[in-house]
Amino acid sequence: MKNIKRYVHNQVLKDIKEKMVFVSGPRQVGKTTLARQIIGSKNGYLNWDFTEHREKILKNELPVSDFWVFDEIHKYRQWRNFIKGIYDVYGKTKKILVTGSGRLDLLRFGGDSLQGRYHLLRMFPLTAPELGILNEKDFMELLYLGGFPEPFFSSSEVFVKRWSREYRSRLVNEEIADIEKFQDISKLELLMLRLPGLVGSPLSINSLREDLNVSHKSISNWLVAFEKMFAIFRISPFGTNIIRAVKKERKHYHFDWTLIDDRGLRFENMVALHLIKWAAFEQDSKGSEIEIRYFRDVEGREIDFVVLENSRPLKFIECKWSDTDISGNLKYMKKKFPKAEYYQIYAEGKKEYIKNGIHLIPAFKFLKKFI
């Protein structure tokens, strides 16, 4: 795997001067590589998955170093108390970096004993601007290989398929099942297999309940678990009193967009990941009130993504596979929110122009303004 510098690298170095830094994100997204890059040759790296390192943590025999990294420490049942004790004793003299998966991200929802002692940064898969993609060919390669470092740098679609299958199985059977203590893992796996085919449309929990013959509450709980463990993310509809928008059903997308067979929906999912990654970084690093939503009204008009700041729409974005004529739905919303920016982006094609305030642009060019 190539050892590239990830987009959160500099923010970690900045934040760690003030408090501990927690980096959370999906499994195999590159957190361990990031941690090793940041600590460099310093003798302070401890990984809970290594027996020797685990014994040092349990005995509280920590390396002599001014910088400690605790990788995968969230697997230790008493990790919160351990990290709190370490910080309270050494926080003024040591830099402390903690990495892990969704269990760290759960701290965002408050009520934990570590509150006020750390900065949390969420780390997402590779995207076009992070890779420096400047042409359609390389953009398509990312679309078909996905944004997780190992399969992307393999440059093999066969490897990608095998990796995705194994990754999904481990995520359900190890991480999600272990955290949530679900009884019926087979139904959980069926839901995970069903979801890629439903990307791009509002997700009906009632339909899933009927398909899997389980309760509404069970489906709701399983979807929340998938979100917690970075299997999927969901976006809510955008609506105000000047548009008759749908209000309830959310759309979902996958962190591993290679699970989606339909090329147009895979492209939409990939764009969604780019946007949500940027929004999360803006929230984590600047405290910005950035949201990503979608628009759909009761007449059936729909726009894939709406970027909001402080609940005000900044950008409306429609995804198309090729450079077709401008969407009528964008024209409709332009009349409703004339101060926002409007984009129709596409995976294939070279056209780029602005007409009536709507910008038609190749996706790789549009997305380079994000991260």
Protein backbone atom coordinates (compact mmCIF):
# COMPACT_ATOMS: atom_id res chain seq x y z
CA MET A 1 0.00 0.00 0.00
CA LYS A 2 1.28 3.46 -0.82
CA ASN A 3 2.18 5.55 2.19
CA ILE A 4 0.42 8.81 1.32
CA LYS A 5 -0.12 11.69 3.71
CA ARG A 6 -3.79 11.73 4.70
CA TYR A 7 -5.94 14.83 4.82
CA VAL A 8 -6.35 14.84 8.64
CA HIS A 9 -2.58 14.66 9.24
CA ASN A 10 -1.92 18.37 9.74
CA GLN A 11 -5.08 18.86 11.80
CA VAL A 12 -3.96 16.10 14.18
CA LEU A 13 -0.61 17.85 14.66
CA LYS A 14 -2.40 21.14 15.32
CA ASP A 15 -5.02 19.78 17.73
CA ILE A 16 -2.65 17.58 19.72
CA LYS A 17 -0.88 20.68 21.03
CA GLU A 18 -4.05 21.49 22.98
CA LYS A 19 -5.63 18.18 24.01
CA MET A 20 -5.66 14.49 23.25
CA VAL A 21 -6.75 13.68 19.71
CA PHE A 22 -9.11 10.83 18.89
CA VAL A 23 -9.24 9.68 15.25
CA SER A 24 -12.25 7.51 14.43
CA GLY A 25 -13.33 5.99 11.14
CA PRO A 26 -14.19 2.79 9.28
CA ARG A 27 -12.05 -0.30 9.62
CA GLN A 28 -9.06 -0.36 7.26
CA VAL A 29 -9.45 3.27 6.25
CA GLY A 30 -5.80 3.99 7.14
CA LYS A 31 -5.89 5.06 10.81
CA THR A 32 -2.95 2.88 11.85
CA THR A 33 -0.83 4.10 8.93
CA LEU A 34 -1.70 7.68 9.89
CA ALA A 35 -0.73 7.06 13.52
CA ARG A 36 2.62 5.54 12.55
CA GLN A 37 3.34 8.44 10.19
CA ILE A 38 2.61 11.00 12.89
CA ILE A 39 4.60 9.39 15.69
CA GLY A 40 7.50 8.62 13.34
CA SER A 41 10.51 7.07 15.05
CA LYS A 42 9.37 7.96 18.57
CA ASN A 43 9.09 5.01 20.94
CA GLY A 44 5.47 5.53 21.97
CA TYR A 45 3.28 3.43 19.69
CA LEU A 46 1.03 0.81 21.36
CA ASN A 47 -1.52 -1.33 19.51
CA TRP A 48 -4.07 -3.26 21.58
CA ASP A 49 -4.10 -6.04 18.95
CA PHE A 50 -0.41 -6.83 19.62
CA THR A 51 0.01 -9.15 22.62
CA GLU A 52 3.21 -7.48 23.80
CA HIS A 53 1.67 -4.01 23.58
CA ARG A 54 -1.53 -5.17 25.28
CA GLU A 55 0.43 -6.51 28.22
CA LYS A 56 2.24 -3.19 28.61
CA ILE A 57 -1.07 -1.34 28.66
CA LEU A 58 -2.59 -3.71 31.22
CA LYS A 59 0.50 -3.44 33.44
CA ASN A 60 0.63 0.33 32.89
CA GLU A 61 4.24 -0.02 31.71
CA LEU A 62 4.27 2.68 29.04
CA PRO A 63 7.23 3.55 26.79
CA VAL A 64 9.52 6.42 27.70
CA SER A 65 8.36 8.99 25.15
CA ASP A 66 6.81 12.45 24.93
CA PHE A 67 4.24 11.12 22.42
CA TRP A 68 1.95 8.13 22.97
CA VAL A 69 -0.29 6.50 20.38
CA PHE A 70 -2.96 4.06 21.59
CA ASP A 71 -4.18 2.21 18.51
CA GLU A 72 -7.38 0.10 18.72
CA ILE A 73 -7.52 0.76 22.48
CA HIS A 74 -11.33 0.88 22.30
CA LYS A 75 -11.28 -2.93 22.28
CA TYR A 76 -10.18 -2.79 25.93
CA ARG A 77 -13.35 -2.87 28.05
CA GLN A 78 -11.95 -0.32 30.51
CA TRP A 79 -10.39 1.93 27.88
CA ARG A 80 -12.22 5.11 28.89
CA ASN A 81 -11.02 4.96 32.48
CA PHE A 82 -7.52 4.03 31.31
CA ILE A 83 -7.25 6.96 28.88
CA LYS A 84 -8.81 9.38 31.39
CA GLY A 85 -6.25 8.37 34.01
CA ILE A 86 -3.36 8.69 31.57
CA TYR A 87 -4.48 12.14 30.46
CA ASP A 88 -5.15 13.44 33.97
CA VAL A 89 -1.66 12.41 35.09
CA TYR A 90 0.38 13.08 31.94
CA GLY A 91 -1.78 15.36 29.80
CA LYS A 92 0.36 18.43 30.44
CA THR A 93 3.61 16.74 29.43
CA LYS A 94 2.64 14.15 26.80
CA LYS A 95 0.99 14.23 23.40
CA ILE A 96 -1.65 11.51 23.22
CA LEU A 97 -3.27 10.14 20.03
CA VAL A 98 -6.03 7.52 20.21
CA THR A 99 -7.34 5.75 17.10
CA GLY A 100 -10.28 3.41 16.64
CA SER A 101 -13.50 2.66 14.81
CA GLY A 102 -17.10 3.54 15.54
CA ARG A 103 -16.79 3.03 19.27
CA LEU A 104 -14.70 6.20 19.49
CA ASP A 105 -17.18 8.12 17.36
CA LEU A 106 -19.95 7.28 19.84
CA LEU A 107 -18.30 9.78 22.19
CA ARG A 108 -19.70 12.56 19.99
CA PHE A 109 -23.12 11.87 21.45
CA GLY A 110 -22.06 13.09 24.87
CA GLY A 111 -22.25 11.91 28.45
CA ASP A 112 -18.78 10.39 28.69
CA SER A 113 -16.14 10.91 31.34
CA LEU A 114 -13.60 12.11 28.76
CA GLN A 115 -15.59 15.17 27.75
CA GLY A 116 -13.40 18.26 27.38
CA ARG A 117 -10.17 16.28 27.26
CA TYR A 118 -9.93 15.54 23.54
CA HIS A 119 -10.54 16.70 19.98
CA LEU A 120 -12.31 14.15 17.76
CA LEU A 121 -11.53 13.87 14.05
CA ARG A 122 -13.40 11.50 11.76
CA MET A 123 -11.34 9.89 9.00
CA PHE A 124 -12.99 8.83 5.73
CA PRO A 125 -11.89 6.84 2.65
CA LEU A 126 -9.75 8.29 -0.12
CA THR A 127 -11.40 10.78 -2.47
CA ALA A 128 -10.54 12.51 -5.74
CA PRO A 129 -9.08 15.74 -4.26
CA GLU A 130 -7.07 13.84 -1.64
CA LEU A 131 -5.55 11.71 -4.41
CA GLY A 132 -4.97 14.72 -6.65
CA ILE A 133 -7.18 13.33 -9.45
CA LEU A 134 -7.28 15.74 -12.39
CA ASN A 135 -8.80 13.74 -15.23
CA GLU A 136 -11.74 11.51 -16.06
CA LYS A 137 -9.65 8.33 -16.48
CA ASP A 138 -8.28 8.47 -12.92
CA PHE A 139 -11.70 9.46 -11.61
CA MET A 140 -13.21 6.34 -13.16
CA GLU A 141 -10.49 4.22 -11.61
CA LEU A 142 -11.46 5.55 -8.17
CA LEU A 143 -15.13 4.88 -8.96
CA TYR A 144 -14.48 1.21 -9.72
CA LEU A 145 -11.79 0.50 -7.11
CA GLY A 146 -13.33 2.36 -4.18
CA GLY A 147 -11.75 4.66 -1.62
CA PHE A 148 -10.33 2.21 0.90
CA PRO A 149 -6.53 2.25 0.57
CA GLU A 150 -5.80 -1.47 0.24
CA PRO A 151 -8.22 -2.28 -2.61
CA PHE A 152 -7.62 1.07 -4.33
CA PHE A 153 -3.87 0.64 -4.50
CA SER A 154 -4.26 -2.99 -5.61
CA SER A 155 -5.52 -1.64 -8.99
CA SER A 156 -7.45 -4.90 -9.38
CA GLU A 157 -11.25 -5.10 -9.61
CA VAL A 158 -11.08 -8.81 -8.72
CA PHE A 159 -9.20 -7.94 -5.53
CA VAL A 160 -11.78 -5.22 -4.83
CA LYS A 161 -14.66 -7.70 -5.05
CA ARG A 162 -12.96 -10.20 -2.76
CA TRP A 163 -11.95 -7.49 -0.30
CA SER A 164 -15.47 -6.01 -0.18
CA ARG A 165 -17.08 -9.38 0.49
CA GLU A 166 -14.63 -10.18 3.30
CA TYR A 167 -14.84 -6.67 4.74
CA ARG A 168 -18.63 -6.73 4.89
CA SER A 169 -18.65 -10.15 6.57
CA ARG A 170 -16.13 -9.09 9.23
CA LEU A 171 -17.97 -5.84 9.86
CA VAL A 172 -21.25 -7.63 10.55
CA ASN A 173 -19.95 -10.70 12.37
CA GLU A 174 -17.23 -9.08 14.44
CA GLU A 175 -17.64 -5.36 14.95
CA ILE A 176 -21.38 -4.70 14.77
CA ALA A 177 -22.46 -7.99 16.34
CA ASP A 178 -19.92 -7.58 19.14
CA ILE A 179 -20.97 -4.05 20.01
CA GLU A 180 -24.73 -4.41 19.76
CA LYS A 181 -25.08 -8.07 20.91
CA PHE A 182 -27.65 -8.90 18.24
CA GLN A 183 -29.29 -12.31 18.40
CA ASP A 184 -30.12 -12.94 14.73
CA ILE A 185 -26.91 -12.29 12.80
CA SER A 186 -28.30 -13.94 9.65
CA LYS A 187 -31.03 -11.28 9.36
CA LEU A 188 -28.40 -8.61 9.97
CA GLU A 189 -26.37 -10.01 7.07
CA LEU A 190 -29.46 -10.13 4.85
CA LEU A 191 -30.13 -6.46 5.53
CA MET A 192 -26.52 -5.60 4.70
CA LEU A 193 -26.86 -7.47 1.40
CA ARG A 194 -30.16 -5.77 0.61
CA LEU A 195 -29.07 -2.18 1.21
CA PRO A 196 -26.74 -1.58 -1.80
CA GLY A 197 -29.67 -2.13 -4.17
CA LEU A 198 -31.65 0.60 -2.41
CA VAL A 199 -29.10 3.41 -2.64
CA GLY A 200 -30.31 6.66 -4.15
CA SER A 201 -33.94 6.51 -3.01
CA PRO A 202 -35.58 7.35 0.31
CA LEU A 203 -35.21 4.25 2.48
CA SER A 204 -38.51 2.72 3.59
CA ILE A 205 -38.14 0.93 6.91
CA ASN A 206 -41.61 -0.56 6.48
CA SER A 207 -40.61 -2.21 3.19
CA LEU A 208 -37.46 -3.64 4.75
CA ARG A 209 -39.47 -4.87 7.72
CA GLU A 210 -41.78 -6.77 5.39
CA ASP A 211 -38.90 -8.17 3.28
CA LEU A 212 -37.03 -9.52 6.30
CA ASN A 213 -40.07 -10.38 8.42
CA VAL A 214 -38.84 -8.51 11.48
CA SER A 215 -40.15 -5.60 13.51
CA HIS A 216 -39.90 -1.93 12.58
CA LYS A 217 -37.86 -1.36 15.74
CA SER A 218 -35.36 -4.07 14.77
CA ILE A 219 -34.72 -2.56 11.33
CA SER A 220 -34.33 0.90 12.87
CA ASN A 221 -31.86 -0.41 15.44
CA TRP A 222 -29.85 -2.30 12.81
CA LEU A 223 -29.56 0.75 10.58
CA VAL A 224 -28.35 2.83 13.52
CA ALA A 225 -25.76 0.14 14.26
CA PHE A 226 -24.57 0.21 10.64
CA GLU A 227 -24.16 3.98 10.94
CA LYS A 228 -22.28 3.74 14.23
CA MET A 229 -19.79 1.31 12.74
CA PHE A 230 -19.25 3.33 9.53
CA ALA A 231 -20.93 0.81 7.23
CA ILE A 232 -23.45 3.35 5.94
CA PHE A 233 -24.33 7.00 6.37
CA ARG A 234 -27.75 8.58 5.93
CA ILE A 235 -28.87 12.03 4.83
CA SER A 236 -32.16 13.72 5.64
CA PRO A 237 -34.50 15.61 3.30
CA PHE A 238 -34.27 19.38 3.02
CA GLY A 239 -37.44 21.38 3.38
CA THR A 240 -38.71 24.85 4.25
CA ASN A 241 -42.09 26.52 4.30
CA ILE A 242 -41.69 27.66 0.66
CA ILE A 243 -41.40 24.15 -0.80
CA ARG A 244 -43.65 21.12 -0.33
CA ALA A 245 -40.82 18.74 0.53
CA VAL A 246 -40.98 15.23 1.95
CA LYS A 247 -40.03 15.34 5.61
CA LYS A 248 -39.26 11.91 7.00
CA GLU A 249 -37.55 9.22 4.95
CA ARG A 250 -33.77 9.47 4.70
CA LYS A 251 -31.50 8.27 1.91
CA HIS A 252 -28.55 6.04 2.71
CA TYR A 253 -25.13 5.51 1.16
CA HIS A 254 -22.18 3.16 1.74
CA PHE A 255 -18.63 3.96 2.75
CA ASP A 256 -17.62 1.19 0.35
CA TRP A 257 -19.35 2.37 -2.82
CA THR A 258 -18.07 -0.62 -4.83
CA LEU A 259 -20.93 -2.65 -3.31
CA ILE A 260 -23.31 -0.90 -5.71
CA ASP A 261 -23.68 -2.49 -9.15
CA ASP A 262 -25.55 0.26 -11.00
CA ARG A 263 -22.90 2.65 -12.31
CA GLY A 264 -25.07 5.76 -11.97
CA LEU A 265 -25.98 4.99 -8.37
CA ARG A 266 -22.37 4.07 -7.59
CA PHE A 267 -21.35 7.47 -8.93
CA GLU A 268 -24.01 9.19 -6.80
CA ASN A 269 -22.79 7.28 -3.72
CA MET A 270 -19.19 8.26 -4.45
CA VAL A 271 -20.19 11.94 -4.68
CA ALA A 272 -22.16 11.60 -1.43
CA LEU A 273 -19.04 10.28 0.30
CA HIS A 274 -16.99 13.22 -0.99
CA LEU A 275 -19.54 15.67 0.38
CA ILE A 276 -20.09 14.01 3.75
CA LYS A 277 -16.32 13.68 4.25
CA TRP A 278 -15.86 17.39 3.64
CA ALA A 279 -18.80 18.28 5.90
CA ALA A 280 -17.47 16.12 8.74
CA PHE A 281 -14.03 17.71 8.48
CA GLU A 282 -15.54 21.21 8.50
CA GLN A 283 -17.52 20.26 11.61
CA ASP A 284 -14.62 18.58 13.41
CA SER A 285 -11.86 21.06 12.58
CA LYS A 286 -13.76 24.37 12.52
CA GLY A 287 -17.02 23.78 14.35
CA SER A 288 -18.93 24.73 11.19
CA GLU A 289 -22.65 24.04 10.98
CA ILE A 290 -22.41 22.28 7.62
CA GLU A 291 -24.99 19.66 6.61
CA ILE A 292 -25.55 17.52 3.54
CA ARG A 293 -29.17 16.81 2.65
CA TYR A 294 -31.27 15.93 -0.38
CA PHE A 295 -34.39 17.50 -1.85
CA ARG A 296 -37.57 15.74 -2.85
CA ASP A 297 -41.06 17.24 -2.94
CA VAL A 298 -44.52 15.75 -2.96
CA GLU A 299 -44.72 16.27 -6.74
CA GLY A 300 -41.73 13.97 -7.24
CA ARG A 301 -39.11 16.62 -8.07
CA GLU A 302 -35.73 15.59 -6.64
CA ILE A 303 -32.20 16.94 -6.40
CA ASP A 304 -29.48 14.61 -5.16
CA PHE A 305 -27.69 16.86 -2.68
CA VAL A 306 -28.15 20.15 -0.87
CA VAL A 307 -25.26 21.72 1.06
CA LEU A 308 -26.50 23.75 4.04
CA GLU A 309 -24.70 26.06 6.43
CA ASN A 310 -26.58 27.23 9.50
CA SER A 311 -29.71 25.72 7.88
CA ARG A 312 -29.30 27.97 4.81
CA PRO A 313 -28.92 26.27 1.39
CA LEU A 314 -25.57 27.08 -0.24
CA LYS A 315 -25.37 24.58 -3.09
CA PHE A 316 -27.76 22.30 -4.96
CA ILE A 317 -26.02 19.40 -6.73
CA GLU A 318 -27.50 16.99 -9.27
CA CYS A 319 -25.53 13.92 -10.42
CA LYS A 320 -25.79 12.55 -13.98
CA TRP A 321 -23.73 9.85 -15.63
CA SER A 322 -23.11 11.91 -18.79
CA ASP A 323 -23.23 15.57 -19.81
CA THR A 324 -26.93 15.75 -20.70
CA ASP A 325 -29.18 18.80 -20.73
CA ILE A 326 -29.59 20.67 -17.46
CA SER A 327 -32.13 19.18 -15.06
CA GLY A 328 -35.51 20.87 -14.85
CA ASN A 329 -35.47 20.30 -11.10
CA LEU A 330 -32.43 22.54 -10.76
CA LYS A 331 -34.20 25.22 -12.78
CA TYR A 332 -37.22 24.90 -10.48
CA MET A 333 -35.15 25.29 -7.30
CA LYS A 334 -33.19 28.19 -8.79
CA LYS A 335 -36.43 30.18 -8.75
CA LYS A 336 -37.08 29.23 -5.13
CA PHE A 337 -33.56 29.90 -3.80
CA PRO A 338 -31.88 32.31 -6.26
CA LYS A 339 -28.91 33.08 -3.98
CA ALA A 340 -27.68 29.48 -3.81
CA GLU A 341 -25.21 27.89 -6.25
CA TYR A 342 -26.42 25.24 -8.68
CA TYR A 343 -24.37 22.42 -10.19
CA GLN A 344 -25.06 19.50 -12.48
CA ILE A 345 -22.05 17.21 -12.34
CA TYR A 346 -21.34 14.12 -14.40
CA ALA A 347 -18.94 11.18 -14.52
CA GLU A 348 -18.44 11.02 -18.32
CA GLY A 349 -18.05 13.90 -20.75
CA LYS A 350 -16.18 17.16 -21.28
CA LYS A 351 -18.80 19.89 -21.46
CA GLU A 352 -18.50 22.76 -19.02
CA TYR A 353 -20.65 25.87 -19.12
CA ILE A 354 -22.96 28.07 -17.07
CA LYS A 355 -26.50 28.70 -18.27
CA ASN A 356 -29.09 30.73 -16.36
CA GLY A 357 -26.95 30.48 -13.23
CA ILE A 358 -26.58 26.67 -13.36
CA HIS A 359 -23.09 25.22 -13.75
CA LEU A 360 -22.63 22.04 -15.81
CA ILE A 361 -19.22 20.58 -14.90
CA PRO A 362 -17.30 17.25 -14.86
CA ALA A 363 -17.38 15.68 -11.41
CA PHE A 364 -13.61 15.51 -10.96
CA LYS A 365 -13.39 19.27 -11.55
CA PHE A 366 -16.25 20.08 -9.19
CA LEU A 367 -15.07 17.81 -6.38
CA LYS A 368 -11.51 19.15 -6.29
CA LYS A 369 -12.76 22.08 -4.18
CA PHE A 370 -13.51 19.67 -1.34
CA ILE A 371 -11.03 17.32 0.42
